[in-house]
Amino acid sequence: MVLKAAFIFVAPDADPVKHRSVVTTPEVILTTVGVADYQMAEEIAKSLVDEGVGAIELCGGFGIEGTAAVKKAVAGKAVVGVVRFDPHPGLEFRSGDDLFSRAG
């Protein structure tokens, strides 16, 4: 059985249509998608689940709040993991929570 997985990274100017790629191996089909903020990540995560993705890994730019938002968005239809940098070197050493959280 092939695992359909995704990696979502956050970058302020990312466009999920333009900044998307797919790598296919015999065991894994991995979709990589760039998003500009947490709200976009939630929307993309839902669409990935609709495409059959069962595992989503988030880049280190996602803080605790961003990770929780994506997990809530997929509503148990995919497992969510995260690479942890907080703060993140690609976001000028700030946390995604500081940049993208609706609470902030």
PDB file of N, CA and C in Angstrom:
ATOM      1  N   MET A   1       0.835  -1.182   0.000  1.00  0.00           N
ATOM      2  CA  MET A   1       0.000   0.000   0.000  1.00  0.00           C
ATOM      3  C   MET A   1       0.882   1.248   0.000  1.00  0.00           C
ATOM      4  N   VAL A   2       0.526   2.202  -0.802  1.00  0.00           N
ATOM      5  CA  VAL A   2       1.277   3.449  -0.923  1.00  0.00           C
ATOM      6  C   VAL A   2       0.742   4.463   0.092  1.00  0.00           C
ATOM      7  N   LEU A   3       1.662   5.108   0.812  1.00  0.00           N
ATOM      8  CA  LEU A   3       1.292   6.164   1.743  1.00  0.00           C
ATOM      9  C   LEU A   3       1.236   7.488   1.003  1.00  0.00           C
ATOM     10  N   LYS A   4       0.109   8.168   1.104  1.00  0.00           N
ATOM     11  CA  LYS A   4       0.001   9.526   0.571  1.00  0.00           C
ATOM     12  C   LYS A   4       0.259  10.468   1.736  1.00  0.00           C
ATOM     13  N   ALA A   5       1.335  11.235   1.614  1.00  0.00           N
ATOM     14  CA  ALA A   5       1.751  12.145   2.683  1.00  0.00           C
ATOM     15  C   ALA A   5       1.976  13.534   2.110  1.00  0.00           C
ATOM     16  N   ALA A   6       2.068  14.512   3.020  1.00  0.00           N
ATOM     17  CA  ALA A   6       2.305  15.886   2.594  1.00  0.00           C
ATOM     18  C   ALA A   6       3.220  16.584   3.591  1.00  0.00           C
ATOM     19  N   PHE A   7       3.951  17.548   3.071  1.00  0.00           N
ATOM     20  CA  PHE A   7       4.772  18.435   3.881  1.00  0.00           C
ATOM     21  C   PHE A   7       4.314  19.848   3.553  1.00  0.00           C
ATOM     22  N   ILE A   8       3.888  20.587   4.568  1.00  0.00           N
ATOM     23  CA  ILE A   8       3.446  21.967   4.366  1.00  0.00           C
ATOM     24  C   ILE A   8       4.474  22.886   5.006  1.00  0.00           C
ATOM     25  N   PHE A   9       4.983  23.838   4.216  1.00  0.00           N
ATOM     26  CA  PHE A   9       5.905  24.819   4.777  1.00  0.00           C
ATOM     27  C   PHE A   9       5.275  26.197   4.685  1.00  0.00           C
ATOM     28  N   VAL A  10       5.660  27.049   5.632  1.00  0.00           N
ATOM     29  CA  VAL A  10       5.101  28.391   5.695  1.00  0.00           C
ATOM     30  C   VAL A  10       6.188  29.410   5.359  1.00  0.00           C
ATOM     31  N   ALA A  11       5.859  30.285   4.411  1.00  0.00           N
ATOM     32  CA  ALA A  11       6.754  31.364   3.994  1.00  0.00           C
ATOM     33  C   ALA A  11       5.853  32.518   3.563  1.00  0.00           C
ATOM     34  N   PRO A  12       6.115  33.717   4.026  1.00  0.00           N
ATOM     35  CA  PRO A  12       5.181  34.827   3.812  1.00  0.00           C
ATOM     36  C   PRO A  12       4.696  35.045   2.375  1.00  0.00           C
ATOM     37  N   ASP A  13       5.492  34.772   1.372  1.00  0.00           N
ATOM     38  CA  ASP A  13       5.070  34.999  -0.015  1.00  0.00           C
ATOM     39  C   ASP A  13       4.723  33.709  -0.758  1.00  0.00           C
ATOM     40  N   ALA A  14       4.538  32.621  -0.031  1.00  0.00           N
ATOM     41  CA  ALA A  14       4.247  31.340  -0.684  1.00  0.00           C
ATOM     42  C   ALA A  14       2.842  31.325  -1.276  1.00  0.00           C
ATOM     43  N   ASP A  15       2.742  30.738  -2.452  1.00  0.00           N
ATOM     44  CA  ASP A  15       1.472  30.559  -3.154  1.00  0.00           C
ATOM     45  C   ASP A  15       1.288  29.053  -3.328  1.00  0.00           C
ATOM     46  N   PRO A  16       0.259  28.462  -2.719  1.00  0.00           N
ATOM     47  CA  PRO A  16       0.119  27.006  -2.765  1.00  0.00           C
ATOM     48  C   PRO A  16      -0.119  26.421  -4.152  1.00  0.00           C
ATOM     49  N   VAL A  17      -0.491  27.249  -5.102  1.00  0.00           N
ATOM     50  CA  VAL A  17      -0.640  26.764  -6.477  1.00  0.00           C
ATOM     51  C   VAL A  17       0.729  26.712  -7.151  1.00  0.00           C
ATOM     52  N   LYS A  18       1.512  27.773  -7.006  1.00  0.00           N
ATOM     53  CA  LYS A  18       2.833  27.846  -7.638  1.00  0.00           C
ATOM     54  C   LYS A  18       3.895  27.059  -6.873  1.00  0.00           C
ATOM     55  N   HIS A  19       3.791  27.025  -5.561  1.00  0.00           N
ATOM     56  CA  HIS A  19       4.821  26.419  -4.725  1.00  0.00           C
ATOM     57  C   HIS A  19       4.347  25.060  -4.218  1.00  0.00           C
ATOM     58  N   ARG A  20       4.206  24.149  -5.166  1.00  0.00           N
ATOM     59  CA  ARG A  20       3.703  22.802  -4.889  1.00  0.00           C
ATOM     60  C   ARG A  20       4.466  21.824  -5.765  1.00  0.00           C
ATOM     61  N   SER A  21       4.825  20.693  -5.175  1.00  0.00           N
ATOM     62  CA  SER A  21       5.492  19.644  -5.949  1.00  0.00           C
ATOM     63  C   SER A  21       5.065  18.281  -5.421  1.00  0.00           C
ATOM     64  N   VAL A  22       5.278  17.268  -6.236  1.00  0.00           N
ATOM     65  CA  VAL A  22       4.942  15.906  -5.850  1.00  0.00           C
ATOM     66  C   VAL A  22       6.120  15.008  -6.185  1.00  0.00           C
ATOM     67  N   VAL A  23       6.519  14.197  -5.206  1.00  0.00           N
ATOM     68  CA  VAL A  23       7.564  13.191  -5.404  1.00  0.00           C
ATOM     69  C   VAL A  23       6.908  11.834  -5.207  1.00  0.00           C
ATOM     70  N   THR A  24       7.078  10.965  -6.189  1.00  0.00           N
ATOM     71  CA  THR A  24       6.456   9.644  -6.127  1.00  0.00           C
ATOM     72  C   THR A  24       7.524   8.571  -6.047  1.00  0.00           C
ATOM     73  N   THR A  25       7.425   7.730  -5.027  1.00  0.00           N
ATOM     74  CA  THR A  25       8.278   6.548  -4.890  1.00  0.00           C
ATOM     75  C   THR A  25       7.353   5.339  -4.830  1.00  0.00           C
ATOM     76  N   PRO A  26       7.877   4.138  -4.884  1.00  0.00           N
ATOM     77  CA  PRO A  26       6.991   2.974  -4.788  1.00  0.00           C
ATOM     78  C   PRO A  26       6.197   2.903  -3.477  1.00  0.00           C
ATOM     79  N   GLU A  27       6.731   3.480  -2.396  1.00  0.00           N
ATOM     80  CA  GLU A  27       6.069   3.388  -1.096  1.00  0.00           C
ATOM     81  C   GLU A  27       5.347   4.660  -0.669  1.00  0.00           C
ATOM     82  N   VAL A  28       5.781   5.823  -1.165  1.00  0.00           N
ATOM     83  CA  VAL A  28       5.243   7.098  -0.690  1.00  0.00           C
ATOM     84  C   VAL A  28       5.018   8.056  -1.855  1.00  0.00           C
ATOM     85  N   ILE A  29       3.885   8.708  -1.831  1.00  0.00           N
ATOM     86  CA  ILE A  29       3.639   9.852  -2.710  1.00  0.00           C
ATOM     87  C   ILE A  29       3.620  11.070  -1.792  1.00  0.00           C
ATOM     88  N   LEU A  30       4.620  11.926  -1.934  1.00  0.00           N
ATOM     89  CA  LEU A  30       4.783  13.071  -1.048  1.00  0.00           C
ATOM     90  C   LEU A  30       4.489  14.361  -1.792  1.00  0.00           C
ATOM     91  N   THR A  31       3.511  15.093  -1.298  1.00  0.00           N
ATOM     92  CA  THR A  31       3.174  16.399  -1.847  1.00  0.00           C
ATOM     93  C   THR A  31       3.743  17.459  -0.919  1.00  0.00           C
ATOM     94  N   THR A  32       4.480  18.403  -1.482  1.00  0.00           N
ATOM     95  CA  THR A  32       5.025  19.520  -0.729  1.00  0.00           C
ATOM     96  C   THR A  32       4.292  20.781  -1.168  1.00  0.00           C
ATOM     97  N   VAL A  33       3.825  21.551  -0.187  1.00  0.00           N
ATOM     98  CA  VAL A  33       3.045  22.750  -0.499  1.00  0.00           C
ATOM     99  C   VAL A  33       3.507  23.911   0.383  1.00  0.00           C
ATOM    100  N   GLY A  34       3.715  25.063  -0.237  1.00  0.00           N
ATOM    101  CA  GLY A  34       4.029  26.275   0.518  1.00  0.00           C
ATOM    102  C   GLY A  34       2.774  27.090   0.747  1.00  0.00           C
ATOM    103  N   VAL A  35       2.653  27.637   1.952  1.00  0.00           N
ATOM    104  CA  VAL A  35       1.525  28.497   2.300  1.00  0.00           C
ATOM    105  C   VAL A  35       2.051  29.786   2.923  1.00  0.00           C
ATOM    106  N   ALA A  36       1.255  30.833   2.866  1.00  0.00           N
ATOM    107  CA  ALA A  36       1.685  32.141   3.369  1.00  0.00           C
ATOM    108  C   ALA A  36       1.362  32.365   4.844  1.00  0.00           C
ATOM    109  N   ASP A  37       0.395  31.609   5.385  1.00  0.00           N
ATOM    110  CA  ASP A  37       0.013  31.819   6.778  1.00  0.00           C
ATOM    111  C   ASP A  37      -0.766  30.608   7.290  1.00  0.00           C
ATOM    112  N   TYR A  38      -1.141  30.659   8.551  1.00  0.00           N
ATOM    113  CA  TYR A  38      -1.840  29.538   9.173  1.00  0.00           C
ATOM    114  C   TYR A  38      -3.214  29.290   8.557  1.00  0.00           C
ATOM    115  N   GLN A  39      -3.954  30.342   8.254  1.00  0.00           N
ATOM    116  CA  GLN A  39      -5.283  30.155   7.674  1.00  0.00           C
ATOM    117  C   GLN A  39      -5.187  29.395   6.354  1.00  0.00           C
ATOM    118  N   MET A  40      -4.219  29.756   5.534  1.00  0.00           N
ATOM    119  CA  MET A  40      -4.021  29.059   4.271  1.00  0.00           C
ATOM    120  C   MET A  40      -3.612  27.608   4.528  1.00  0.00           C
ATOM    121  N   ALA A  41      -2.816  27.380   5.555  1.00  0.00           N
ATOM    122  CA  ALA A  41      -2.397  26.016   5.893  1.00  0.00           C
ATOM    123  C   ALA A  41      -3.603  25.153   6.257  1.00  0.00           C
ATOM    124  N   GLU A  42      -4.529  25.714   7.001  1.00  0.00           N
ATOM    125  CA  GLU A  42      -5.737  24.972   7.363  1.00  0.00           C
ATOM    126  C   GLU A  42      -6.513  24.572   6.112  1.00  0.00           C
ATOM    127  N   GLU A  43      -6.684  25.508   5.198  1.00  0.00           N
ATOM    128  CA  GLU A  43      -7.430  25.239   3.967  1.00  0.00           C
ATOM    129  C   GLU A  43      -6.730  24.178   3.118  1.00  0.00           C
ATOM    130  N   ILE A  44      -5.408  24.317   2.978  1.00  0.00           N
ATOM    131  CA  ILE A  44      -4.645  23.352   2.170  1.00  0.00           C
ATOM    132  C   ILE A  44      -4.674  21.976   2.822  1.00  0.00           C
ATOM    133  N   ALA A  45      -4.550  21.919   4.140  1.00  0.00           N
ATOM    134  CA  ALA A  45      -4.589  20.627   4.834  1.00  0.00           C
ATOM    135  C   ALA A  45      -5.912  19.913   4.573  1.00  0.00           C
ATOM    136  N   LYS A  46      -7.006  20.646   4.635  1.00  0.00           N
ATOM    137  CA  LYS A  46      -8.311  20.045   4.342  1.00  0.00           C
ATOM    138  C   LYS A  46      -8.358  19.515   2.914  1.00  0.00           C
ATOM    139  N   SER A  47      -7.835  20.285   1.961  1.00  0.00           N
ATOM    140  CA  SER A  47      -7.880  19.837   0.565  1.00  0.00           C
ATOM    141  C   SER A  47      -6.974  18.629   0.347  1.00  0.00           C
ATOM    142  N   LEU A  48      -5.849  18.589   1.043  1.00  0.00           N
ATOM    143  CA  LEU A  48      -4.955  17.426   0.932  1.00  0.00           C
ATOM    144  C   LEU A  48      -5.642  16.162   1.459  1.00  0.00           C
ATOM    145  N   VAL A  49      -6.353  16.293   2.552  1.00  0.00           N
ATOM    146  CA  VAL A  49      -7.103  15.155   3.093  1.00  0.00           C
ATOM    147  C   VAL A  49      -8.143  14.699   2.081  1.00  0.00           C
ATOM    148  N   ASP A  50      -8.805  15.647   1.434  1.00  0.00           N
ATOM    149  CA  ASP A  50      -9.789  15.294   0.401  1.00  0.00           C
ATOM    150  C   ASP A  50      -9.151  14.559  -0.770  1.00  0.00           C
ATOM    151  N   GLU A  51      -7.839  14.794  -0.994  1.00  0.00           N
ATOM    152  CA  GLU A  51      -7.097  14.107  -2.055  1.00  0.00           C
ATOM    153  C   GLU A  51      -6.558  12.759  -1.590  1.00  0.00           C
ATOM    154  N   GLY A  52      -6.837  12.376  -0.355  1.00  0.00           N
ATOM    155  CA  GLY A  52      -6.407  11.074   0.142  1.00  0.00           C
ATOM    156  C   GLY A  52      -5.143  11.077   0.983  1.00  0.00           C
ATOM    157  N   VAL A  53      -4.604  12.238   1.301  1.00  0.00           N
ATOM    158  CA  VAL A  53      -3.413  12.317   2.141  1.00  0.00           C
ATOM    159  C   VAL A  53      -3.787  11.903   3.556  1.00  0.00           C
ATOM    160  N   GLY A  54      -2.982  10.991   4.122  1.00  0.00           N
ATOM    161  CA  GLY A  54      -3.251  10.485   5.463  1.00  0.00           C
ATOM    162  C   GLY A  54      -2.246  10.908   6.507  1.00  0.00           C
ATOM    163  N   ALA A  55      -1.154  11.558   6.070  1.00  0.00           N
ATOM    164  CA  ALA A  55      -0.119  12.016   6.999  1.00  0.00           C
ATOM    165  C   ALA A  55       0.380  13.373   6.534  1.00  0.00           C
ATOM    166  N   ILE A  56       0.361  14.349   7.439  1.00  0.00           N
ATOM    167  CA  ILE A  56       0.810  15.699   7.116  1.00  0.00           C
ATOM    168  C   ILE A  56       1.899  16.095   8.096  1.00  0.00           C
ATOM    169  N   GLU A  57       3.033  16.518   7.560  1.00  0.00           N
ATOM    170  CA  GLU A  57       4.109  17.035   8.394  1.00  0.00           C
ATOM    171  C   GLU A  57       4.231  18.531   8.141  1.00  0.00           C
ATOM    172  N   LEU A  58       4.369  19.288   9.218  1.00  0.00           N
ATOM    173  CA  LEU A  58       4.476  20.734   9.134  1.00  0.00           C
ATOM    174  C   LEU A  58       5.917  21.163   9.366  1.00  0.00           C
ATOM    175  N   CYS A  59       6.342  22.200   8.660  1.00  0.00           N
ATOM    176  CA  CYS A  59       7.708  22.697   8.804  1.00  0.00           C
ATOM    177  C   CYS A  59       7.904  23.348  10.162  1.00  0.00           C
ATOM    178  N   GLY A  60       9.140  23.628  10.486  1.00  0.00           N
ATOM    179  CA  GLY A  60       9.489  24.222  11.764  1.00  0.00           C
ATOM    180  C   GLY A  60       8.977  25.627  11.965  1.00  0.00           C
ATOM    181  N   GLY A  61       8.472  26.271  10.929  1.00  0.00           N
ATOM    182  CA  GLY A  61       7.909  27.604  11.074  1.00  0.00           C
ATOM    183  C   GLY A  61       6.568  27.608  11.787  1.00  0.00           C
ATOM    184  N   PHE A  62       5.936  26.443  11.872  1.00  0.00           N
ATOM    185  CA  PHE A  62       4.665  26.339  12.579  1.00  0.00           C
ATOM    186  C   PHE A  62       4.954  26.251  14.067  1.00  0.00           C
ATOM    187  N   GLY A  63       4.394  27.155  14.807  1.00  0.00           N
ATOM    188  CA  GLY A  63       4.499  27.082  16.257  1.00  0.00           C
ATOM    189  C   GLY A  63       3.445  26.130  16.801  1.00  0.00           C
ATOM    190  N   ILE A  64       3.310  26.141  18.085  1.00  0.00           N
ATOM    191  CA  ILE A  64       2.345  25.270  18.752  1.00  0.00           C
ATOM    192  C   ILE A  64       0.926  25.596  18.312  1.00  0.00           C
ATOM    193  N   GLU A  65       0.587  26.862  18.235  1.00  0.00           N
ATOM    194  CA  GLU A  65      -0.763  27.264  17.846  1.00  0.00           C
ATOM    195  C   GLU A  65      -1.072  26.900  16.396  1.00  0.00           C
ATOM    196  N   GLY A  66      -0.096  27.084  15.501  1.00  0.00           N
ATOM    197  CA  GLY A  66      -0.300  26.728  14.099  1.00  0.00           C
ATOM    198  C   GLY A  66      -0.488  25.239  13.914  1.00  0.00           C
ATOM    199  N   THR A  67       0.299  24.460  14.640  1.00  0.00           N
ATOM    200  CA  THR A  67       0.162  23.004  14.582  1.00  0.00           C
ATOM    201  C   THR A  67      -1.221  22.584  15.062  1.00  0.00           C
ATOM    202  N   ALA A  68      -1.668  23.165  16.165  1.00  0.00           N
ATOM    203  CA  ALA A  68      -2.993  22.839  16.700  1.00  0.00           C
ATOM    204  C   ALA A  68      -4.096  23.217  15.712  1.00  0.00           C
ATOM    205  N   ALA A  69      -3.935  24.343  15.031  1.00  0.00           N
ATOM    206  CA  ALA A  69      -4.948  24.783  14.063  1.00  0.00           C
ATOM    207  C   ALA A  69      -5.067  23.802  12.900  1.00  0.00           C
ATOM    208  N   VAL A  70      -3.932  23.317  12.404  1.00  0.00           N
ATOM    209  CA  VAL A  70      -3.968  22.350  11.297  1.00  0.00           C
ATOM    210  C   VAL A  70      -4.552  21.028  11.771  1.00  0.00           C
ATOM    211  N   LYS A  71      -4.151  20.597  12.952  1.00  0.00           N
ATOM    212  CA  LYS A  71      -4.692  19.339  13.490  1.00  0.00           C
ATOM    213  C   LYS A  71      -6.215  19.438  13.626  1.00  0.00           C
ATOM    214  N   LYS A  72      -6.696  20.559  14.121  1.00  0.00           N
ATOM    215  CA  LYS A  72      -8.137  20.751  14.258  1.00  0.00           C
ATOM    216  C   LYS A  72      -8.815  20.776  12.887  1.00  0.00           C
ATOM    217  N   ALA A  73      -8.163  21.402  11.917  1.00  0.00           N
ATOM    218  CA  ALA A  73      -8.747  21.516  10.571  1.00  0.00           C
ATOM    219  C   ALA A  73      -8.949  20.159   9.915  1.00  0.00           C
ATOM    220  N   VAL A  74      -8.030  19.219  10.127  1.00  0.00           N
ATOM    221  CA  VAL A  74      -8.158  17.916   9.475  1.00  0.00           C
ATOM    222  C   VAL A  74      -9.078  16.970  10.235  1.00  0.00           C
ATOM    223  N   ALA A  75      -9.454  17.358  11.439  1.00  0.00           N
ATOM    224  CA  ALA A  75     -10.485  16.643  12.216  1.00  0.00           C
ATOM    225  C   ALA A  75     -10.262  15.134  12.289  1.00  0.00           C
ATOM    226  N   GLY A  76      -9.019  14.728  12.533  1.00  0.00           N
ATOM    227  CA  GLY A  76      -8.733  13.307  12.697  1.00  0.00           C
ATOM    228  C   GLY A  76      -8.667  12.509  11.409  1.00  0.00           C
ATOM    229  N   LYS A  77      -8.794  13.161  10.264  1.00  0.00           N
ATOM    230  CA  LYS A  77      -8.756  12.454   8.980  1.00  0.00           C
ATOM    231  C   LYS A  77      -7.341  12.232   8.484  1.00  0.00           C
ATOM    232  N   ALA A  78      -6.360  12.832   9.154  1.00  0.00           N
ATOM    233  CA  ALA A  78      -4.936  12.625   8.845  1.00  0.00           C
ATOM    234  C   ALA A  78      -4.172  12.835  10.140  1.00  0.00           C
ATOM    235  N   VAL A  79      -3.032  12.157  10.253  1.00  0.00           N
ATOM    236  CA  VAL A  79      -2.159  12.412  11.393  1.00  0.00           C
ATOM    237  C   VAL A  79      -1.303  13.625  11.051  1.00  0.00           C
ATOM    238  N   VAL A  80      -0.971  14.405  12.072  1.00  0.00           N
ATOM    239  CA  VAL A  80      -0.194  15.622  11.872  1.00  0.00           C
ATOM    240  C   VAL A  80       1.061  15.553  12.721  1.00  0.00           C
ATOM    241  N   GLY A  81       2.209  15.745  12.065  1.00  0.00           N
ATOM    242  CA  GLY A  81       3.495  15.794  12.752  1.00  0.00           C
ATOM    243  C   GLY A  81       4.150  17.133  12.466  1.00  0.00           C
ATOM    244  N   VAL A  82       5.233  17.414  13.172  1.00  0.00           N
ATOM    245  CA  VAL A  82       5.865  18.719  13.009  1.00  0.00           C
ATOM    246  C   VAL A  82       7.367  18.623  13.221  1.00  0.00           C
ATOM    247  N   VAL A  83       8.086  19.367  12.403  1.00  0.00           N
ATOM    248  CA  VAL A  83       9.506  19.610  12.605  1.00  0.00           C
ATOM    249  C   VAL A  83       9.558  20.814  13.537  1.00  0.00           C
ATOM    250  N   ARG A  84      10.398  20.827  14.531  1.00  0.00           N
ATOM    251  CA  ARG A  84      10.328  21.917  15.510  1.00  0.00           C
ATOM    252  C   ARG A  84      11.537  22.841  15.453  1.00  0.00           C
ATOM    253  N   PHE A  85      11.295  24.073  15.102  1.00  0.00           N
ATOM    254  CA  PHE A  85      12.190  25.210  15.290  1.00  0.00           C
ATOM    255  C   PHE A  85      11.278  26.286  15.857  1.00  0.00           C
ATOM    256  N   ASP A  86      11.598  26.830  16.975  1.00  0.00           N
ATOM    257  CA  ASP A  86      10.757  27.891  17.515  1.00  0.00           C
ATOM    258  C   ASP A  86      11.620  28.736  18.435  1.00  0.00           C
ATOM    259  N   PRO A  87      12.227  29.769  17.917  1.00  0.00           N
ATOM    260  CA  PRO A  87      11.955  30.474  16.672  1.00  0.00           C
ATOM    261  C   PRO A  87      12.641  29.815  15.465  1.00  0.00           C
ATOM    262  N   HIS A  88      12.217  30.239  14.275  1.00  0.00           N
ATOM    263  CA  HIS A  88      12.668  29.614  13.035  1.00  0.00           C
ATOM    264  C   HIS A  88      13.665  30.512  12.294  1.00  0.00           C
ATOM    265  N   PRO A  89      14.797  29.930  11.847  1.00  0.00           N
ATOM    266  CA  PRO A  89      15.793  30.738  11.145  1.00  0.00           C
ATOM    267  C   PRO A  89      15.313  31.299   9.811  1.00  0.00           C
ATOM    268  N   GLY A  90      14.359  30.658   9.164  1.00  0.00           N
ATOM    269  CA  GLY A  90      13.843  31.146   7.891  1.00  0.00           C
ATOM    270  C   GLY A  90      12.786  32.227   8.039  1.00  0.00           C
ATOM    271  N   LEU A  91      12.398  32.509   9.260  1.00  0.00           N
ATOM    272  CA  LEU A  91      11.395  33.548   9.528  1.00  0.00           C
ATOM    273  C   LEU A  91      12.005  34.645  10.399  1.00  0.00           C
ATOM    274  N   GLU A  92      13.264  34.959  10.113  1.00  0.00           N
ATOM    275  CA  GLU A  92      14.010  35.989  10.840  1.00  0.00           C
ATOM    276  C   GLU A  92      14.034  35.712  12.341  1.00  0.00           C
ATOM    277  N   PHE A  93      14.164  34.421  12.678  1.00  0.00           N
ATOM    278  CA  PHE A  93      14.244  33.957  14.064  1.00  0.00           C
ATOM    279  C   PHE A  93      13.036  34.375  14.897  1.00  0.00           C
ATOM    280  N   ARG A  94      11.865  34.309  14.254  1.00  0.00           N
ATOM    281  CA  ARG A  94      10.606  34.531  14.947  1.00  0.00           C
ATOM    282  C   ARG A  94       9.789  33.249  14.881  1.00  0.00           C
ATOM    283  N   SER A  95       8.845  33.120  15.742  1.00  0.00           N
ATOM    284  CA  SER A  95       7.936  31.983  15.732  1.00  0.00           C
ATOM    285  C   SER A  95       6.798  32.248  14.764  1.00  0.00           C
ATOM    286  N   GLY A  96       6.353  31.204  14.089  1.00  0.00           N
ATOM    287  CA  GLY A  96       5.160  31.325  13.268  1.00  0.00           C
ATOM    288  C   GLY A  96       3.972  31.759  14.102  1.00  0.00           C
ATOM    289  N   ASP A  97       3.948  31.377  15.386  1.00  0.00           N
ATOM    290  CA  ASP A  97       2.857  31.811  16.252  1.00  0.00           C
ATOM    291  C   ASP A  97       2.820  33.331  16.346  1.00  0.00           C
ATOM    292  N   ASP A  98       3.980  33.963  16.428  1.00  0.00           N
ATOM    293  CA  ASP A  98       4.029  35.426  16.505  1.00  0.00           C
ATOM    294  C   ASP A  98       3.589  36.078  15.196  1.00  0.00           C
ATOM    295  N   LEU A  99       3.899  35.437  14.082  1.00  0.00           N
ATOM    296  CA  LEU A  99       3.599  36.028  12.773  1.00  0.00           C
ATOM    297  C   LEU A  99       2.194  35.742  12.264  1.00  0.00           C
ATOM    298  N   PHE A 100       1.695  34.535  12.506  1.00  0.00           N
ATOM    299  CA  PHE A 100       0.482  34.091  11.818  1.00  0.00           C
ATOM    300  C   PHE A 100      -0.695  33.762  12.703  1.00  0.00           C
ATOM    301  N   SER A 101      -0.527  33.713  13.992  1.00  0.00           N
ATOM    302  CA  SER A 101      -1.614  33.318  14.881  1.00  0.00           C
ATOM    303  C   SER A 101      -2.718  34.367  14.900  1.00  0.00           C
ATOM    304  N   ARG A 102      -3.934  33.913  14.862  1.00  0.00           N
ATOM    305  CA  ARG A 102      -5.076  34.823  14.937  1.00  0.00           C
ATOM    306  C   ARG A 102      -5.191  35.426  16.322  1.00  0.00           C
ATOM    307  N   ALA A 103      -4.642  34.720  17.319  1.00  0.00           N
ATOM    308  CA  ALA A 103      -4.705  35.226  18.692  1.00  0.00           C
ATOM    309  C   ALA A 103      -3.697  36.342  18.940  1.00  0.00           C
ATOM    310  N   GLY A 104      -2.634  36.396  18.083  1.00  0.00           N
ATOM    311  CA  GLY A 104      -1.558  37.345  18.299  1.00  0.00           C
ATOM    312  C   GLY A 104      -1.796  38.713  17.762  1.00  0.00           C
TER     313      GLY A 104
END
